[in-house]
């Protein structure tokens, strides 16, 4: 059974996640982060790392497949996430919208929900930024299943970033919990600005040399930028 959570991640307000594949970095994240995004797909022994974890910050667990920018094989990937639910420090999981559309992961989402674990439903576009109508559709579909609808796109110019910020604001005004960001240099500033428009989750590495996505600020910098703009 899923145990009682040590710390809830309701994402009722902005939450800064320290993204890492090494849970030993958690003490260095405490000053600035609200939680740790544990990238199981980038860790050598992720389930063993969860078993040994005794940190203070709650965990948002991600096991990203290769077809959406990660390194996890499809074989056993969902099962690993399911096993992660047994650890009390795991307060949220990330499941790809495409995986749910393919029929995978629905049992995982239901089990997480029963156990009081938040579900982030995510989609990533590493090529560009879809038209506004598609951005809206993706966030709407993700929000129908998850507690937070996450959308990461790749910006090539300021028009791309404006489209992302506009759709973020529109969904946030409707009361939808969203997490949005534009990857790449052209969109880097959205990681600091999107929370102003309603994005509930930001991601940053503790060590800037270990970024888990293009255009990430380091943890201290993103915390300072978001705090200054709120």
Protein backbone atom coordinates (compact mmCIF):
# COMPACT_ATOMS: atom_id res chain seq x y z
CA UNK A 1 0.00 0.00 0.00
CA UNK A 2 0.98 3.60 -0.46
CA UNK A 3 1.96 4.95 2.94
CA UNK A 4 1.07 8.23 4.59
CA UNK A 5 2.87 11.12 2.94
CA UNK A 6 5.59 12.82 4.95
CA UNK A 7 4.92 16.10 3.10
CA UNK A 8 2.20 17.07 0.67
CA UNK A 9 2.78 18.76 -2.67
CA UNK A 10 -0.53 20.37 -3.51
CA UNK A 11 0.98 22.97 -5.87
CA UNK A 12 -1.49 25.56 -4.60
CA UNK A 13 1.27 28.12 -5.05
CA UNK A 14 4.58 28.29 -6.90
CA UNK A 15 6.84 25.36 -6.07
CA UNK A 16 10.52 25.30 -6.97
CA UNK A 17 11.82 21.81 -7.75
CA UNK A 18 15.52 21.01 -7.59
CA UNK A 19 15.99 18.66 -10.53
CA UNK A 20 18.56 15.94 -10.00
CA UNK A 21 19.42 12.30 -10.57
CA UNK A 22 21.41 12.24 -7.34
CA UNK A 23 19.42 12.44 -4.12
CA UNK A 24 22.66 13.11 -2.24
CA UNK A 25 22.32 16.69 -3.57
CA UNK A 26 19.18 17.25 -1.49
CA UNK A 27 20.93 18.99 1.44
CA UNK A 28 22.39 21.56 -0.96
CA UNK A 29 18.91 22.22 -2.36
CA UNK A 30 17.16 22.94 0.94
CA UNK A 31 17.98 26.65 1.08
CA UNK A 32 16.18 27.45 -2.17
CA UNK A 33 13.96 24.54 -3.22
CA UNK A 34 10.51 23.46 -2.08
CA UNK A 35 10.92 19.90 -3.35
CA UNK A 36 13.26 17.68 -5.33
CA UNK A 37 12.42 16.37 -8.78
CA UNK A 38 14.12 12.98 -8.76
CA UNK A 39 14.95 11.92 -12.33
CA UNK A 40 14.80 8.16 -12.01
CA UNK A 41 15.67 7.74 -15.68
CA UNK A 42 19.04 9.45 -15.16
CA UNK A 43 19.95 7.58 -11.97
CA UNK A 44 21.98 4.36 -11.90
CA UNK A 45 19.95 2.63 -9.15
CA UNK A 46 16.83 4.77 -8.67
CA UNK A 47 14.81 2.41 -6.48
CA UNK A 48 17.77 1.84 -4.18
CA UNK A 49 18.26 5.61 -3.98
CA UNK A 50 14.63 6.05 -2.94
CA UNK A 51 15.00 3.34 -0.33
CA UNK A 52 17.99 5.15 1.20
CA UNK A 53 16.55 8.67 0.98
CA UNK A 54 16.19 10.43 4.32
CA UNK A 55 16.14 14.05 3.19
CA UNK A 56 13.84 16.84 4.34
CA UNK A 57 12.39 17.87 0.98
CA UNK A 58 9.45 15.97 -0.55
CA UNK A 59 10.02 14.26 -3.87
CA UNK A 60 8.44 14.73 -7.27
CA UNK A 61 9.44 11.58 -9.14
CA UNK A 62 9.95 11.49 -12.90
CA UNK A 63 10.95 8.52 -15.05
CA UNK A 64 11.16 10.17 -18.45
CA UNK A 65 11.18 7.91 -21.54
CA UNK A 66 13.64 8.38 -24.39
CA UNK A 67 10.81 9.37 -26.73
CA UNK A 68 10.13 12.43 -24.56
CA UNK A 69 13.65 13.59 -23.86
CA UNK A 70 14.64 11.19 -21.08
CA UNK A 71 16.67 8.01 -20.88
CA UNK A 72 14.25 5.40 -19.53
CA UNK A 73 13.44 2.32 -21.58
CA UNK A 74 9.75 1.65 -22.05
CA UNK A 75 10.13 -1.84 -20.60
CA UNK A 76 9.42 -1.58 -16.87
CA UNK A 77 9.31 2.22 -16.78
CA UNK A 78 5.75 2.56 -15.45
CA UNK A 79 6.34 -0.30 -13.04
CA UNK A 80 9.31 1.57 -11.56
CA UNK A 81 7.14 4.62 -11.02
CA UNK A 82 4.53 2.45 -9.38
CA UNK A 83 7.11 1.06 -6.97
CA UNK A 84 8.22 4.60 -6.17
CA UNK A 85 4.75 5.29 -4.76
CA UNK A 86 5.56 3.06 -1.79
CA UNK A 87 8.07 5.58 -0.43
CA UNK A 88 6.61 8.13 1.97
CA UNK A 89 8.88 10.91 0.72
CA UNK A 90 7.30 10.66 -2.74
CA UNK A 91 4.63 13.36 -2.73
CA UNK A 92 4.12 13.70 -6.49
CA UNK A 93 4.80 11.83 -9.72
CA UNK A 94 5.14 12.96 -13.32
CA UNK A 95 3.37 10.98 -16.06
CA UNK A 96 3.52 11.87 -19.75
CA UNK A 97 0.29 12.82 -21.50
CA UNK A 98 1.34 10.70 -24.47
CA UNK A 99 1.72 7.64 -22.25
CA UNK A 100 -1.79 8.12 -20.92
CA UNK A 101 -3.12 8.58 -24.44
CA UNK A 102 -1.52 5.24 -25.36
CA UNK A 103 -3.33 3.57 -22.48
CA UNK A 104 -0.34 3.28 -20.17
CA UNK A 105 -0.23 4.72 -16.72
CA UNK A 106 -3.93 4.99 -15.87
CA UNK A 107 -3.68 2.46 -13.04
CA UNK A 108 -0.61 4.33 -11.78
CA UNK A 109 -2.50 7.63 -11.73
CA UNK A 110 -5.44 6.06 -9.91
CA UNK A 111 -3.18 4.48 -7.29
CA UNK A 112 -1.29 7.73 -6.75
CA UNK A 113 -4.53 9.65 -6.33
CA UNK A 114 -5.88 7.16 -3.80
CA UNK A 115 -2.67 7.54 -1.81
CA UNK A 116 -2.78 11.32 -1.71
CA UNK A 117 0.09 11.70 -4.18
CA UNK A 118 -0.21 14.56 -6.65
CA UNK A 119 0.03 13.80 -10.37
CA UNK A 120 1.77 16.06 -12.86
CA UNK A 121 0.72 15.22 -16.42
CA UNK A 122 3.36 16.50 -18.79
CA UNK A 123 4.05 17.03 -22.46
CA UNK A 124 7.24 18.28 -24.13
CA UNK A 125 7.99 19.63 -27.60
CA UNK A 126 11.71 19.72 -28.35
CA UNK A 127 11.25 21.02 -31.88
CA UNK A 128 9.22 24.19 -31.48
CA UNK A 129 6.11 25.85 -30.10
CA UNK A 130 2.77 24.62 -31.44
CA UNK A 131 0.03 27.09 -32.42
CA UNK A 132 -1.95 28.67 -29.59
CA UNK A 133 -4.95 26.38 -30.15
CA UNK A 134 -2.74 23.31 -29.75
CA UNK A 135 -1.12 24.69 -26.60
CA UNK A 136 -4.58 25.20 -25.18
CA UNK A 137 -5.67 21.69 -26.15
CA UNK A 138 -2.62 20.05 -24.59
CA UNK A 139 -3.04 21.85 -21.27
CA UNK A 140 -6.76 21.10 -21.23
CA UNK A 141 -6.21 17.38 -21.83
CA UNK A 142 -3.46 17.16 -19.22
CA UNK A 143 -5.58 18.98 -16.64
CA UNK A 144 -8.42 16.51 -17.15
CA UNK A 145 -6.23 13.75 -15.69
CA UNK A 146 -3.59 15.39 -13.52
CA UNK A 147 -3.48 17.73 -10.58
CA UNK A 148 -1.03 19.85 -12.57
CA UNK A 149 -0.85 20.19 -16.36
CA UNK A 150 2.78 20.64 -17.42
CA UNK A 151 3.75 21.95 -20.85
CA UNK A 152 7.33 22.52 -22.00
CA UNK A 153 7.94 23.79 -25.52
CA UNK A 154 10.96 25.03 -27.45
CA UNK A 155 10.95 28.73 -28.29
CA UNK A 156 12.67 30.10 -31.36
CA UNK A 157 11.61 33.73 -30.90
CA UNK A 158 9.67 36.10 -28.67
CA UNK A 159 6.38 35.30 -30.41
CA UNK A 160 6.72 31.71 -29.19
CA UNK A 161 7.27 32.86 -25.62
CA UNK A 162 4.33 35.26 -25.76
CA UNK A 163 2.05 32.46 -26.94
CA UNK A 164 3.15 30.26 -24.05
CA UNK A 165 2.72 32.99 -21.44
CA UNK A 166 -0.71 33.89 -22.82
CA UNK A 167 -2.00 30.32 -22.61
CA UNK A 168 -0.49 30.00 -19.13
CA UNK A 169 -2.40 33.07 -17.97
CA UNK A 170 -5.65 31.94 -19.59
CA UNK A 171 -5.63 28.55 -17.86
CA UNK A 172 -4.47 29.94 -14.52
CA UNK A 173 -7.36 32.44 -14.55
CA UNK A 174 -9.73 29.48 -14.95
CA UNK A 175 -8.26 27.89 -11.84
CA UNK A 176 -6.20 25.23 -13.61
CA UNK A 177 -2.89 24.33 -12.00
CA UNK A 178 -0.35 24.57 -14.80
CA UNK A 179 3.42 24.37 -15.05
CA UNK A 180 4.83 25.92 -18.20
CA UNK A 181 8.21 26.84 -19.59
CA UNK A 182 9.92 27.42 -22.94
CA UNK A 183 13.17 25.55 -23.44
CA UNK A 184 16.19 26.95 -25.25
CA UNK A 185 17.89 30.34 -25.10
CA UNK A 186 15.00 32.25 -26.70
CA UNK A 187 12.65 30.96 -24.03
CA UNK A 188 14.95 30.90 -21.04
CA UNK A 189 13.40 33.98 -19.43
CA UNK A 190 10.00 32.23 -19.29
CA UNK A 191 11.31 30.07 -16.46
CA UNK A 192 11.34 33.20 -14.33
CA UNK A 193 8.34 34.94 -15.91
CA UNK A 194 5.86 32.06 -16.24
CA UNK A 195 5.21 31.99 -12.47
CA UNK A 196 4.07 35.63 -12.72
CA UNK A 197 1.38 34.43 -15.15
CA UNK A 198 0.32 31.47 -13.05
CA UNK A 199 2.79 28.63 -13.58
CA UNK A 200 2.97 26.55 -10.38
CA UNK A 201 6.24 24.64 -10.83
CA UNK A 202 9.76 25.72 -11.74
CA UNK A 203 12.67 23.37 -12.33
CA UNK A 204 16.35 24.10 -11.77
CA UNK A 205 19.48 22.04 -11.09
CA UNK A 206 21.42 22.42 -7.86
CA UNK A 207 24.60 22.20 -9.97
CA UNK A 208 24.34 24.33 -13.13
CA UNK A 209 26.58 21.84 -14.93
CA UNK A 210 23.92 19.16 -14.43
CA UNK A 211 20.92 20.77 -16.11
CA UNK A 212 18.16 18.31 -16.99
CA UNK A 213 16.60 20.47 -19.74
CA UNK A 214 17.80 23.15 -22.17
CA UNK A 215 17.89 26.70 -20.80
CA UNK A 216 17.55 25.95 -17.10
CA UNK A 217 18.83 28.50 -14.58
CA UNK A 218 20.67 27.18 -11.55
CA UNK A 219 18.59 26.78 -8.43
CA UNK A 220 19.74 29.88 -6.57
CA UNK A 221 19.31 32.13 -9.60
CA UNK A 222 15.79 30.94 -10.40
CA UNK A 223 14.71 31.33 -6.77
CA UNK A 224 16.00 34.88 -6.69
CA UNK A 225 14.41 35.81 -10.03
CA UNK A 226 11.01 34.38 -9.15
CA UNK A 227 11.01 35.98 -5.71
CA UNK A 228 11.97 39.35 -7.19
CA UNK A 229 9.17 39.24 -9.76
CA UNK A 230 6.34 38.07 -7.50
